[in-house]
C-alpha atoms as a PDB file:
ATOM      1  CA  MET A   1      17.344  -8.744   8.820  1.00  0.00           C
ATOM      2  CA  LYS A   2      14.966  -5.829   8.736  1.00  0.00           C
ATOM      3  CA  SER A   3      12.414  -3.914   6.780  1.00  0.00           C
ATOM      4  CA  VAL A   4      10.682  -1.211   6.933  1.00  0.00           C
ATOM      5  CA  VAL A   5       6.747  -2.211   4.634  1.00  0.00           C
ATOM      6  CA  LEU A   6       4.297   0.037   3.876  1.00  0.00           C
ATOM      7  CA  LEU A   7       1.363  -1.095   4.881  1.00  0.00           C
ATOM      8  CA  SER A   8      -1.776  -0.088   4.163  1.00  0.00           C
ATOM      9  CA  GLY A   9      -4.247  -2.501   5.242  1.00  0.00           C
ATOM     10  CA  GLY A  10      -5.229  -3.785   1.479  1.00  0.00           C
ATOM     11  CA  ILE A  11      -4.578  -6.872  -0.283  1.00  0.00           C
ATOM     12  CA  ASP A  12      -1.469  -5.322  -1.991  1.00  0.00           C
ATOM     13  CA  SER A  13       0.607  -4.313   1.278  1.00  0.00           C
ATOM     14  CA  SER A  14      -0.531  -7.410   3.151  1.00  0.00           C
ATOM     15  CA  THR A  15       0.594  -9.549   1.034  1.00  0.00           C
ATOM     16  CA  THR A  16       3.860  -7.393   0.292  1.00  0.00           C
ATOM     17  CA  ALA A  17       4.413  -7.403   4.362  1.00  0.00           C
ATOM     18  CA  LEU A  18       3.930 -11.846   3.890  1.00  0.00           C
ATOM     19  CA  ILE A  19       5.928 -12.539   1.760  1.00  0.00           C
ATOM     20  CA  ALA A  20       8.924  -9.762   3.447  1.00  0.00           C
ATOM     21  CA  LYS A  21       7.925 -11.535   6.510  1.00  0.00           C
ATOM     22  CA  ASN A  22       8.467 -15.065   4.345  1.00  0.00           C
ATOM     23  CA  GLU A  23      11.741 -14.125   2.736  1.00  0.00           C
ATOM     24  CA  GLY A  24      13.149 -13.364   6.338  1.00  0.00           C
ATOM     25  CA  TYR A  25      12.586 -10.018   7.260  1.00  0.00           C
ATOM     26  CA  GLU A  26      11.846  -8.253  10.511  1.00  0.00           C
ATOM     27  CA  ILE A  27       8.709  -6.536   9.530  1.00  0.00           C
ATOM     28  CA  TYR A  28       8.830  -2.558  10.953  1.00  0.00           C
ATOM     29  CA  ALA A  29       5.224  -1.615   9.834  1.00  0.00           C
ATOM     30  CA  LEU A  30       4.603   1.747   8.475  1.00  0.00           C
ATOM     31  CA  SER A  31       1.021   3.394   7.773  1.00  0.00           C
ATOM     32  CA  PHE A  32      -0.859   7.015   7.636  1.00  0.00           C
ATOM     33  CA  ASN A  33      -3.473   8.365   8.913  1.00  0.00           C
ATOM     34  CA  TYR A  34      -3.774  11.313   6.512  1.00  0.00           C
ATOM     35  CA  ASN A  35      -7.528  12.170   7.066  1.00  0.00           C
ATOM     36  CA  GLN A  36      -8.441   9.504   4.310  1.00  0.00           C
ATOM     37  CA  ARG A  37     -11.937   8.727   3.187  1.00  0.00           C
ATOM     38  CA  HIS A  38     -11.569   5.073   3.294  1.00  0.00           C
ATOM     39  CA  LEU A  39      -9.982   5.708   7.027  1.00  0.00           C
ATOM     40  CA  ILE A  40     -11.069   2.824   8.597  1.00  0.00           C
ATOM     41  CA  GLU A  41      -8.287   0.583   6.584  1.00  0.00           C
ATOM     42  CA  LEU A  42      -5.836   0.966   9.694  1.00  0.00           C
ATOM     43  CA  GLU A  43      -7.893  -0.726  11.218  1.00  0.00           C
ATOM     44  CA  TYR A  44      -7.438  -3.102   9.188  1.00  0.00           C
ATOM     45  CA  ALA A  45      -3.738  -2.534   9.116  1.00  0.00           C
ATOM     46  CA  LYS A  46      -3.340  -2.807  12.714  1.00  0.00           C
ATOM     47  CA  ARG A  47      -5.076  -6.745  11.948  1.00  0.00           C
ATOM     48  CA  VAL A  48      -2.637  -7.605   9.837  1.00  0.00           C
ATOM     49  CA  ALA A  49       0.302  -6.430  11.473  1.00  0.00           C
ATOM     50  CA  ALA A  50      -1.157  -8.559  14.718  1.00  0.00           C
ATOM     51  CA  PHE A  51      -1.375 -11.337  12.491  1.00  0.00           C
ATOM     52  CA  LEU A  52       1.792 -11.336  10.987  1.00  0.00           C
ATOM     53  CA  GLU A  53       3.550 -10.655  14.199  1.00  0.00           C
ATOM     54  CA  VAL A  54       5.566  -7.875  13.243  1.00  0.00           C
ATOM     55  CA  LYS A  55       8.129  -5.848  15.370  1.00  0.00           C
ATOM     56  CA  ARG A  56       6.522  -3.245  15.475  1.00  0.00           C
ATOM     57  CA  HIS A  57       3.900  -0.962  14.427  1.00  0.00           C
ATOM     58  CA  LEU A  58       4.062   2.544  13.097  1.00  0.00           C
ATOM     59  CA  ILE A  59       1.255   5.022  12.256  1.00  0.00           C
ATOM     60  CA  ILE A  60       2.220   8.511  11.502  1.00  0.00           C
ATOM     61  CA  ASP A  61      -1.110  10.989  11.591  1.00  0.00           C
ATOM     62  CA  PHE A  62      -0.871  14.184   8.875  1.00  0.00           C
ATOM     63  CA  ASP A  63      -3.981  15.811   7.214  1.00  0.00           C
ATOM     64  CA  MET A  64      -3.677  15.507   3.408  1.00  0.00           C
ATOM     65  CA  ARG A  65      -7.285  17.489   3.381  1.00  0.00           C
ATOM     66  CA  ASP A  66      -5.189  20.553   4.018  1.00  0.00           C
ATOM     67  CA  ILE A  67      -4.052  20.105   0.373  1.00  0.00           C
ATOM     68  CA  GLY A  68      -6.755  17.913  -0.976  1.00  0.00           C
ATOM     69  CA  GLY A  69      -6.666  17.645  -5.237  1.00  0.00           C
ATOM     70  CA  SER A  70      -8.133  13.798  -4.684  1.00  0.00           C
ATOM     71  CA  ALA A  71     -11.566  12.225  -3.896  1.00  0.00           C
ATOM     72  CA  LEU A  72      -9.682  10.538  -1.255  1.00  0.00           C
ATOM     73  CA  THR A  73      -9.054  13.919   0.377  1.00  0.00           C
ATOM     74  CA  THR A  74     -11.602  16.541  -0.176  1.00  0.00           C
ATOM     75  CA  ASP A  75     -16.026  15.472  -0.834  1.00  0.00           C
ATOM     76  CA  MET A  76     -15.449  15.484  -4.535  1.00  0.00           C
ATOM     77  CA  GLU A  77     -17.158  11.841  -5.398  1.00  0.00           C
ATOM     78  CA  VAL A  78     -15.511   8.912  -5.606  1.00  0.00           C
ATOM     79  CA  PRO A  79     -16.064   6.829  -9.259  1.00  0.00           C
ATOM     80  CA  LYS A  80     -18.438   4.060  -9.178  1.00  0.00           C
ATOM     81  CA  ASN A  81     -18.127   1.492 -12.056  1.00  0.00           C
ATOM     82  CA  LYS A  82     -15.712   3.243 -14.357  1.00  0.00           C
ATOM     83  CA  SER A  83     -12.649   0.948 -13.955  1.00  0.00           C
ATOM     84  CA  SER A  84     -10.234   2.965 -15.951  1.00  0.00           C
ATOM     85  CA  LEU A  85      -6.195   2.548 -16.876  1.00  0.00           C
ATOM     86  CA  GLU A  86      -7.727   5.146 -19.680  1.00  0.00           C
ATOM     87  CA  GLN A  87      -6.667   8.160 -17.568  1.00  0.00           C
ATOM     88  CA  ILE A  88      -5.873   8.628 -13.626  1.00  0.00           C
ATOM     89  CA  PRO A  89      -9.110   8.428 -12.335  1.00  0.00           C
ATOM     90  CA  VAL A  90      -9.542  11.568  -9.817  1.00  0.00           C
ATOM     91  CA  THR A  91      -8.430   9.162  -6.484  1.00  0.00           C
ATOM     92  CA  TYR A  92      -5.392   9.474  -7.012  1.00  0.00           C
ATOM     93  CA  VAL A  93      -3.663  11.657  -3.742  1.00  0.00           C
ATOM     94  CA  PRO A  94      -0.553  14.249  -5.344  1.00  0.00           C
ATOM     95  CA  ALA A  95       2.370  13.092  -4.562  1.00  0.00           C
ATOM     96  CA  ARG A  96       1.333   9.588  -2.390  1.00  0.00           C
ATOM     97  CA  ASN A  97       3.538   7.260  -2.604  1.00  0.00           C
ATOM     98  CA  THR A  98       6.434  10.048  -2.808  1.00  0.00           C
ATOM     99  CA  ILE A  99       5.427  11.074   0.901  1.00  0.00           C
ATOM    100  CA  PHE A 100       5.113   7.697   2.388  1.00  0.00           C
ATOM    101  CA  LEU A 101       8.044   6.101   0.503  1.00  0.00           C
ATOM    102  CA  SER A 102      10.311   9.264   1.935  1.00  0.00           C
ATOM    103  CA  PHE A 103       8.909   8.132   6.097  1.00  0.00           C
ATOM    104  CA  ALA A 104       9.757   5.005   5.278  1.00  0.00           C
ATOM    105  CA  LEU A 105      13.198   6.216   4.102  1.00  0.00           C
ATOM    106  CA  ALA A 106      13.499   8.702   7.324  1.00  0.00           C
ATOM    107  CA  TRP A 107      12.796   5.733   9.349  1.00  0.00           C
ATOM    108  CA  ALA A 108      14.502   3.468   7.569  1.00  0.00           C
ATOM    109  CA  GLU A 109      17.722   5.318   8.054  1.00  0.00           C
ATOM    110  CA  VAL A 110      17.172   5.650  11.843  1.00  0.00           C
ATOM    111  CA  LEU A 111      16.479   1.921  12.122  1.00  0.00           C
ATOM    112  CA  GLY A 112      19.498   0.957  10.526  1.00  0.00           C
ATOM    113  CA  VAL A 113      17.515  -0.943   7.617  1.00  0.00           C
ATOM    114  CA  TRP A 114      18.492  -1.446   3.977  1.00  0.00           C
ATOM    115  CA  ASP A 115      15.150  -2.919   2.977  1.00  0.00           C
ATOM    116  CA  ILE A 116      12.183  -0.790   1.770  1.00  0.00           C
ATOM    117  CA  PHE A 117       8.694  -2.421   0.839  1.00  0.00           C
ATOM    118  CA  ILE A 118       6.071  -0.713  -1.116  1.00  0.00           C
ATOM    119  CA  GLY A 119       2.815  -2.901  -2.552  1.00  0.00           C
ATOM    120  CA  ALA A 120       3.524  -1.172  -6.252  1.00  0.00           C
ATOM    121  CA  ASN A 121       1.600  -2.502  -8.683  1.00  0.00           C
ATOM    122  CA  ALA A 122       1.746  -1.679 -12.571  1.00  0.00           C
ATOM    123  CA  ILE A 123      -0.633  -4.671 -14.164  1.00  0.00           C
ATOM    124  CA  ASP A 124      -4.733  -4.627 -12.369  1.00  0.00           C
ATOM    125  CA  TYR A 125      -4.671  -1.113 -10.462  1.00  0.00           C
ATOM    126  CA  SER A 126      -6.072   2.613 -11.419  1.00  0.00           C
ATOM    127  CA  GLY A 127      -2.500   4.149 -13.646  1.00  0.00           C
ATOM    128  CA  TYR A 128      -1.167   6.546 -10.753  1.00  0.00           C
ATOM    129  CA  PRO A 129       2.275   7.707 -12.173  1.00  0.00           C
ATOM    130  CA  ASP A 130       3.634   6.634  -8.629  1.00  0.00           C
ATOM    131  CA  CYS A 131       3.540   2.877  -9.364  1.00  0.00           C
ATOM    132  CA  ARG A 132       4.913   2.724 -12.022  1.00  0.00           C
ATOM    133  CA  PRO A 133       8.425   0.735 -12.304  1.00  0.00           C
ATOM    134  CA  GLU A 134      10.986   4.191 -13.279  1.00  0.00           C
ATOM    135  CA  TYR A 135       9.333   6.276 -10.583  1.00  0.00           C
ATOM    136  CA  LEU A 136      10.535   3.447  -7.990  1.00  0.00           C
ATOM    137  CA  ARG A 137      13.924   3.460 -10.112  1.00  0.00           C
ATOM    138  CA  ALA A 138      14.200   7.113  -9.678  1.00  0.00           C
ATOM    139  CA  PHE A 139      13.131   7.122  -6.176  1.00  0.00           C
ATOM    140  CA  THR A 140      15.762   4.406  -5.088  1.00  0.00           C
ATOM    141  CA  GLU A 141      18.714   6.509  -6.957  1.00  0.00           C
ATOM    142  CA  MET A 142      16.849   9.590  -4.657  1.00  0.00           C
ATOM    143  CA  ALA A 143      17.107   7.524  -1.844  1.00  0.00           C
ATOM    144  CA  ASN A 144      20.643   7.264  -2.052  1.00  0.00           C
ATOM    145  CA  LEU A 145      21.311  10.511  -2.778  1.00  0.00           C
ATOM    146  CA  ALA A 146      19.600  12.231  -0.126  1.00  0.00           C
ATOM    147  CA  THR A 147      20.391   9.846   3.046  1.00  0.00           C
ATOM    148  CA  LYS A 148      23.503  10.281   5.204  1.00  0.00           C
ATOM    149  CA  ALA A 149      23.936   6.952   5.532  1.00  0.00           C
ATOM    150  CA  SER A 150      23.836   5.603   1.996  1.00  0.00           C
ATOM    151  CA  VAL A 151      26.461   9.485   1.380  1.00  0.00           C
ATOM    152  CA  GLN A 152      29.192   8.135   4.061  1.00  0.00           C
ATOM    153  CA  GLY A 153      29.384   4.872   2.444  1.00  0.00           C
ATOM    154  CA  GLN A 154      27.069   2.445   5.005  1.00  0.00           C
ATOM    155  CA  GLY A 155      25.398   0.935   2.992  1.00  0.00           C
ATOM    156  CA  LYS A 156      22.452   1.435  -0.115  1.00  0.00           C
ATOM    157  CA  PHE A 157      19.277   1.867  -0.133  1.00  0.00           C
ATOM    158  CA  ASN A 158      16.687  -0.937  -2.010  1.00  0.00           C
ATOM    159  CA  ILE A 159      13.084  -0.519  -2.800  1.00  0.00           C
ATOM    160  CA  LYS A 160      11.711  -3.649  -3.062  1.00  0.00           C
ATOM    161  CA  ALA A 161       7.869  -4.220  -4.755  1.00  0.00           C
ATOM    162  CA  PRO A 162       7.338  -7.738  -5.183  1.00  0.00           C
ATOM    163  CA  LEU A 163       3.845  -7.642  -7.217  1.00  0.00           C
ATOM    164  CA  LEU A 164       5.231  -4.981  -9.642  1.00  0.00           C
ATOM    165  CA  TYR A 165       4.689  -7.085 -12.301  1.00  0.00           C
ATOM    166  CA  LEU A 166       1.638  -9.222 -11.124  1.00  0.00           C
ATOM    167  CA  SER A 167      -1.933  -9.807 -12.053  1.00  0.00           C
ATOM    168  CA  LYS A 168      -4.386  -9.339  -8.606  1.00  0.00           C
ATOM    169  CA  SER A 169      -5.368 -12.880  -9.192  1.00  0.00           C
ATOM    170  CA  GLU A 170      -1.923 -13.306  -9.205  1.00  0.00           C
ATOM    171  CA  ILE A 171      -0.577 -11.667  -5.820  1.00  0.00           C
ATOM    172  CA  ILE A 172      -3.983 -13.404  -4.802  1.00  0.00           C
ATOM    173  CA  LYS A 173      -2.954 -16.327  -5.165  1.00  0.00           C
ATOM    174  CA  LYS A 174       0.414 -16.218  -4.098  1.00  0.00           C
ATOM    175  CA  GLY A 175      -0.043 -15.010  -0.995  1.00  0.00           C
ATOM    176  CA  LEU A 176      -2.886 -17.781   0.006  1.00  0.00           C
ATOM    177  CA  SER A 177       0.062 -20.009  -0.498  1.00  0.00           C
ATOM    178  CA  LEU A 178       2.352 -18.307   2.243  1.00  0.00           C
ATOM    179  CA  GLY A 179      -1.160 -18.685   4.251  1.00  0.00           C
ATOM    180  CA  MET A 180      -2.821 -14.637   4.016  1.00  0.00           C
ATOM    181  CA  ASP A 181      -5.881 -14.363   5.755  1.00  0.00           C
ATOM    182  CA  TYR A 182      -7.311 -11.645   3.572  1.00  0.00           C
ATOM    183  CA  SER A 183     -11.017 -11.528   5.078  1.00  0.00           C
ATOM    184  CA  ILE A 184      -8.972  -8.725   7.748  1.00  0.00           C
ATOM    185  CA  THR A 185      -7.819  -6.669   4.682  1.00  0.00           C
ATOM    186  CA  TRP A 186      -9.950  -3.949   3.253  1.00  0.00           C
ATOM    187  CA  SER A 187      -9.227  -2.616  -0.486  1.00  0.00           C
ATOM    188  CA  CYS A 188     -12.651  -0.024  -0.121  1.00  0.00           C
ATOM    189  CA  TYR A 189     -12.634   4.292  -1.600  1.00  0.00           C
ATOM    190  CA  ASP A 190     -15.588   5.229  -0.110  1.00  0.00           C
ATOM    191  CA  PRO A 191     -16.953   2.769   2.649  1.00  0.00           C
ATOM    192  CA  GLN A 192     -20.294   2.623   3.252  1.00  0.00           C
ATOM    193  CA  PHE A 193     -22.328   3.065   6.843  1.00  0.00           C
ATOM    194  CA  LYS A 194     -25.484   1.267   7.861  1.00  0.00           C
ATOM    195  CA  ASP A 195     -27.182   0.377  11.413  1.00  0.00           C
ATOM    196  CA  GLY A 196     -23.378   0.987  13.097  1.00  0.00           C
ATOM    197  CA  LYS A 197     -21.318  -0.735  10.332  1.00  0.00           C
ATOM    198  CA  THR A 198     -19.119  -0.123   7.563  1.00  0.00           C
ATOM    199  CA  TYR A 199     -18.829  -2.223   4.914  1.00  0.00           C
ATOM    200  CA  GLN A 200     -16.794  -2.005   1.162  1.00  0.00           C
ATOM    201  CA  CYS A 201     -19.272  -0.577  -1.505  1.00  0.00           C
ATOM    202  CA  SER A 202     -18.303  -3.116  -4.192  1.00  0.00           C
ATOM    203  CA  ILE A 203     -18.377  -0.201  -7.273  1.00  0.00           C
ATOM    204  CA  CYS A 204     -15.771   1.326  -6.725  1.00  0.00           C
ATOM    205  CA  ASP A 205     -12.138   1.134  -8.384  1.00  0.00           C
ATOM    206  CA  SER A 206     -10.555  -0.752  -5.765  1.00  0.00           C
ATOM    207  CA  CYS A 207     -13.741  -2.584  -5.206  1.00  0.00           C
ATOM    208  CA  LEU A 208     -13.563  -4.008  -8.843  1.00  0.00           C
ATOM    209  CA  PHE A 209      -9.913  -4.693  -8.471  1.00  0.00           C
ATOM    210  CA  ARG A 210     -10.562  -7.238  -5.850  1.00  0.00           C
ATOM    211  CA  GLU A 211     -13.387  -8.620  -6.892  1.00  0.00           C
ATOM    212  CA  LYS A 212     -11.919  -8.711 -10.562  1.00  0.00           C
ATOM    213  CA  GLY A 213      -8.370 -10.800  -8.524  1.00  0.00           C
ATOM    214  CA  PHE A 214     -10.938 -13.054  -6.595  1.00  0.00           C
ATOM    215  CA  LYS A 215     -12.802 -13.874  -9.620  1.00  0.00           C
ATOM    216  CA  GLU A 216      -9.794 -14.493 -12.092  1.00  0.00           C
ATOM    217  CA  ALA A 217      -8.020 -16.189  -9.122  1.00  0.00           C
ATOM    218  CA  MET A 218     -11.995 -18.436  -9.114  1.00  0.00           C
ATOM    219  CA  LEU A 219     -12.043 -17.597  -5.339  1.00  0.00           C
ATOM    220  CA  LYS A 220     -14.652 -16.529  -3.330  1.00  0.00           C
ATOM    221  CA  ASN A 221     -14.035 -12.797  -2.087  1.00  0.00           C
END
């Protein structure tokens, strides 16, 4: 049994990959170098892939800075100390999950894989529209209308989001119960550099959600 798993190197995608492995899937991990501000996340994705002993870890390169529209793909400032769901933040990358899932779908079809895992979360997140359950349902329907394998009746693609309704603390507890090492994950949107080392800023949305999750789980980050 095989699966394609979107792997960014963060808490959610890493926990999702571990859940897939625990369910008996052979993992084909997929990451992206889209010239994001926090490109260092790929180094952590590699660590997680090695930790989970995935079957293959594919990193696809394309440049979303040519499109822009996000603080993660332009020189726009990343908001700090403003974790809020009142509006979609500037860290939203236009159509990112749709792009990522489209690559995953293409690879899954070639591999003969029907299950695609994504670490989407609709509770402790930044209000991104492509993390909602209705979006995932719509993508699944599209996937089964748009692929040769599906329309020829070979099978049906499933988009699996096991963390969708879990809080960040619940996600962390779930991962730890399965043996996850969160020290090899990365969450920060705005890496800081000092003395040749890279540090998480601790005050962007992603860092705040990470800290909140560990605090609510009564664990040290």
